[in-house]
C-alpha cells in the first residue's frame, strides 16, 4: 500500500493551483508498533517544518469504529493540515531536512490517504 505520493502526482497537484491554499486530509493506518515512529515524525513536523512553510494543524484525532464504511475502511488517525499554498507543501516535502524525518512516517504507516481539499465553490 502506498504511503507517500509519487513525483508525478506531486507535480500534477502543484500545477493545478500552485498559489492556492490547501487543506490536506490525512487518513492513517499504523503498522504494528508504528505509533511511536509517527509521534517522532509529527513532533519534528510540528516544531520545525510547519512553521518554516506556513502550515498549521487544524485537527488531529484518533480514529474510532466507523459508522458508515466498508469492511477494513476505518482509520487509526485523522489529521487536517492547512498549507498556505500547494507550492509551500511541495517545498516542505522536498526539503532535504524534511526527507530525513519523513522516513519515520514511512516506517510508521501500513497505509495512508493524503487528499488535498479546497472549499466548496472554489474550482481549481
C-alpha atoms as a PDB file:
ATOM      1  CA  UNK A   1       0.000   0.000   0.000  1.00  0.00           C
ATOM      2  CA  UNK A   2       1.222   3.497  -0.806  1.00  0.00           C
ATOM      3  CA  UNK A   3       2.070   5.912   1.999  1.00  0.00           C
ATOM      4  CA  UNK A   4       3.983   8.570   0.023  1.00  0.00           C
ATOM      5  CA  UNK A   5       2.866  10.444  -3.115  1.00  0.00           C
ATOM      6  CA  UNK A   6       4.673   9.718  -6.374  1.00  0.00           C
ATOM      7  CA  UNK A   7       6.679  12.502  -8.032  1.00  0.00           C
ATOM      8  CA  UNK A   8       4.190  12.717 -10.927  1.00  0.00           C
ATOM      9  CA  UNK A   9       1.268  13.086  -8.520  1.00  0.00           C
ATOM     10  CA  UNK A  10       3.035  15.893  -6.655  1.00  0.00           C
ATOM     11  CA  UNK A  11       3.766  17.718  -9.898  1.00  0.00           C
ATOM     12  CA  UNK A  12       0.134  17.464 -11.051  1.00  0.00           C
ATOM     13  CA  UNK A  13      -1.086  18.557  -7.605  1.00  0.00           C
ATOM     14  CA  UNK A  14       1.017  21.746  -7.685  1.00  0.00           C
ATOM     15  CA  UNK A  15       0.276  22.560 -11.327  1.00  0.00           C
ATOM     16  CA  UNK A  16      -3.482  22.540 -10.659  1.00  0.00           C
ATOM     17  CA  UNK A  17      -3.260  25.660  -8.446  1.00  0.00           C
ATOM     18  CA  UNK A  18       0.282  26.439  -7.235  1.00  0.00           C
ATOM     19  CA  UNK A  19      -0.596  29.535  -5.183  1.00  0.00           C
ATOM     20  CA  UNK A  20      -3.955  28.498  -3.760  1.00  0.00           C
ATOM     21  CA  UNK A  21      -4.281  27.380  -0.131  1.00  0.00           C
ATOM     22  CA  UNK A  22      -5.000  23.733   0.511  1.00  0.00           C
ATOM     23  CA  UNK A  23      -6.138  21.609   3.442  1.00  0.00           C
ATOM     24  CA  UNK A  24      -4.697  18.120   3.356  1.00  0.00           C
ATOM     25  CA  UNK A  25      -6.817  15.288   4.699  1.00  0.00           C
ATOM     26  CA  UNK A  26      -4.566  12.613   6.192  1.00  0.00           C
ATOM     27  CA  UNK A  27      -6.063   9.184   6.913  1.00  0.00           C
ATOM     28  CA  UNK A  28      -3.551   6.937   8.633  1.00  0.00           C
ATOM     29  CA  UNK A  29      -3.380   3.227   9.365  1.00  0.00           C
ATOM     30  CA  UNK A  30      -0.389   2.397  11.532  1.00  0.00           C
ATOM     31  CA  UNK A  31       1.921  -0.527  11.064  1.00  0.00           C
ATOM     32  CA  UNK A  32       2.398  -2.741  14.081  1.00  0.00           C
ATOM     33  CA  UNK A  33       4.216  -0.629  16.699  1.00  0.00           C
ATOM     34  CA  UNK A  34       4.216   2.313  14.274  1.00  0.00           C
ATOM     35  CA  UNK A  35       2.645   4.913  16.559  1.00  0.00           C
ATOM     36  CA  UNK A  36       5.910   5.840  18.309  1.00  0.00           C
ATOM     37  CA  UNK A  37       7.662   6.380  14.984  1.00  0.00           C
ATOM     38  CA  UNK A  38       4.761   8.555  13.846  1.00  0.00           C
ATOM     39  CA  UNK A  39       4.941  10.577  17.088  1.00  0.00           C
ATOM     40  CA  UNK A  40       8.622  11.334  16.373  1.00  0.00           C
ATOM     41  CA  UNK A  41       7.728  12.395  12.838  1.00  0.00           C
ATOM     42  CA  UNK A  42       4.778  14.560  13.884  1.00  0.00           C
ATOM     43  CA  UNK A  43       6.793  16.325  16.608  1.00  0.00           C
ATOM     44  CA  UNK A  44       9.526  17.215  14.116  1.00  0.00           C
ATOM     45  CA  UNK A  45       6.982  18.411  11.557  1.00  0.00           C
ATOM     46  CA  UNK A  46       5.043  20.498  14.092  1.00  0.00           C
ATOM     47  CA  UNK A  47       8.139  22.067  15.630  1.00  0.00           C
ATOM     48  CA  UNK A  48      10.232  22.664  12.508  1.00  0.00           C
ATOM     49  CA  UNK A  49       8.598  22.199   9.136  1.00  0.00           C
ATOM     50  CA  UNK A  50       5.059  23.531   9.536  1.00  0.00           C
ATOM     51  CA  UNK A  51       6.343  26.845  10.947  1.00  0.00           C
ATOM     52  CA  UNK A  52       9.026  27.014   8.236  1.00  0.00           C
ATOM     53  CA  UNK A  53       6.493  26.582   5.413  1.00  0.00           C
ATOM     54  CA  UNK A  54       3.419  28.224   6.940  1.00  0.00           C
ATOM     55  CA  UNK A  55       1.460  25.046   7.639  1.00  0.00           C
ATOM     56  CA  UNK A  56      -0.982  24.605  10.505  1.00  0.00           C
ATOM     57  CA  UNK A  57      -2.586  21.510  12.020  1.00  0.00           C
ATOM     58  CA  UNK A  58      -6.318  22.231  12.099  1.00  0.00           C
ATOM     59  CA  UNK A  59      -7.305  18.917  13.652  1.00  0.00           C
ATOM     60  CA  UNK A  60      -5.629  15.696  14.753  1.00  0.00           C
ATOM     61  CA  UNK A  61      -7.564  12.826  16.267  1.00  0.00           C
ATOM     62  CA  UNK A  62      -7.693   9.111  16.912  1.00  0.00           C
ATOM     63  CA  UNK A  63      -9.969   7.160  14.610  1.00  0.00           C
ATOM     64  CA  UNK A  64     -12.732   5.108  16.184  1.00  0.00           C
ATOM     65  CA  UNK A  65     -15.054   2.475  14.754  1.00  0.00           C
ATOM     66  CA  UNK A  66     -16.589   3.738  11.508  1.00  0.00           C
ATOM     67  CA  UNK A  67     -20.341   4.249  11.421  1.00  0.00           C
ATOM     68  CA  UNK A  68     -20.576   4.028   7.636  1.00  0.00           C
ATOM     69  CA  UNK A  69     -17.770   2.228   5.804  1.00  0.00           C
ATOM     70  CA  UNK A  70     -16.948  -0.971   4.023  1.00  0.00           C
ATOM     71  CA  UNK A  71     -15.049  -3.637   5.925  1.00  0.00           C
ATOM     72  CA  UNK A  72     -11.454  -2.515   6.541  1.00  0.00           C
ATOM     73  CA  UNK A  73     -12.076   1.172   5.839  1.00  0.00           C
ATOM     74  CA  UNK A  74     -11.653   2.518   9.356  1.00  0.00           C
ATOM     75  CA  UNK A  75      -8.522   4.538  10.133  1.00  0.00           C
ATOM     76  CA  UNK A  76      -6.278   4.799  13.195  1.00  0.00           C
ATOM     77  CA  UNK A  77      -5.815   8.564  12.944  1.00  0.00           C
ATOM     78  CA  UNK A  78      -7.165  11.546  11.023  1.00  0.00           C
ATOM     79  CA  UNK A  79      -5.438  14.889  10.503  1.00  0.00           C
ATOM     80  CA  UNK A  80      -6.361  18.083   8.686  1.00  0.00           C
ATOM     81  CA  UNK A  81      -3.355  20.263   7.880  1.00  0.00           C
ATOM     82  CA  UNK A  82      -3.633  23.653   6.151  1.00  0.00           C
ATOM     83  CA  UNK A  83      -0.862  24.943   3.893  1.00  0.00           C
ATOM     84  CA  UNK A  84      -0.774  28.489   2.507  1.00  0.00           C
ATOM     85  CA  UNK A  85      -0.249  27.061  -0.982  1.00  0.00           C
ATOM     86  CA  UNK A  86       0.354  23.847  -2.832  1.00  0.00           C
ATOM     87  CA  UNK A  87       3.793  25.192  -3.720  1.00  0.00           C
ATOM     88  CA  UNK A  88       4.571  25.580   0.014  1.00  0.00           C
ATOM     89  CA  UNK A  89       3.574  21.945   0.596  1.00  0.00           C
ATOM     90  CA  UNK A  90       5.847  20.838  -2.247  1.00  0.00           C
ATOM     91  CA  UNK A  91       8.740  22.905  -0.867  1.00  0.00           C
ATOM     92  CA  UNK A  92       8.250  21.259   2.526  1.00  0.00           C
ATOM     93  CA  UNK A  93       8.190  17.669   1.270  1.00  0.00           C
ATOM     94  CA  UNK A  94      11.187  18.415  -0.990  1.00  0.00           C
ATOM     95  CA  UNK A  95      13.264  19.906   1.843  1.00  0.00           C
ATOM     96  CA  UNK A  96      16.283  17.621   2.465  1.00  0.00           C
ATOM     97  CA  UNK A  97      15.870  18.028   6.245  1.00  0.00           C
ATOM     98  CA  UNK A  98      12.209  17.021   5.958  1.00  0.00           C
ATOM     99  CA  UNK A  99      13.166  13.973   3.883  1.00  0.00           C
ATOM    100  CA  UNK A 100      15.335  12.845   6.811  1.00  0.00           C
ATOM    101  CA  UNK A 101      12.376  12.782   9.221  1.00  0.00           C
ATOM    102  CA  UNK A 102       9.866  11.564   6.613  1.00  0.00           C
ATOM    103  CA  UNK A 103      11.402   8.107   6.901  1.00  0.00           C
ATOM    104  CA  UNK A 104       9.781   7.870  10.364  1.00  0.00           C
ATOM    105  CA  UNK A 105       6.368   8.433   8.729  1.00  0.00           C
ATOM    106  CA  UNK A 106       7.026   5.781   6.101  1.00  0.00           C
ATOM    107  CA  UNK A 107       8.092   3.265   8.738  1.00  0.00           C
ATOM    108  CA  UNK A 108       5.073   4.096  10.911  1.00  0.00           C
ATOM    109  CA  UNK A 109       2.372   3.529   8.338  1.00  0.00           C
ATOM    110  CA  UNK A 110       0.809   0.467   6.825  1.00  0.00           C
ATOM    111  CA  UNK A 111      -1.497   2.573   4.644  1.00  0.00           C
ATOM    112  CA  UNK A 112      -2.383   6.222   4.175  1.00  0.00           C
ATOM    113  CA  UNK A 113      -4.595   8.590   2.241  1.00  0.00           C
ATOM    114  CA  UNK A 114      -3.279  12.088   1.600  1.00  0.00           C
ATOM    115  CA  UNK A 115      -6.052  14.007  -0.122  1.00  0.00           C
ATOM    116  CA  UNK A 116      -5.947  17.711  -0.965  1.00  0.00           C
ATOM    117  CA  UNK A 117      -9.179  19.586  -0.319  1.00  0.00           C
ATOM    118  CA  UNK A 118     -10.401  23.070  -1.216  1.00  0.00           C
ATOM    119  CA  UNK A 119     -13.526  24.869  -0.017  1.00  0.00           C
ATOM    120  CA  UNK A 120     -16.742  24.175  -1.908  1.00  0.00           C
ATOM    121  CA  UNK A 121     -17.417  26.791  -4.525  1.00  0.00           C
ATOM    122  CA  UNK A 122     -13.734  27.173  -5.340  1.00  0.00           C
ATOM    123  CA  UNK A 123     -12.745  25.455  -8.553  1.00  0.00           C
ATOM    124  CA  UNK A 124      -9.219  24.507  -9.387  1.00  0.00           C
END
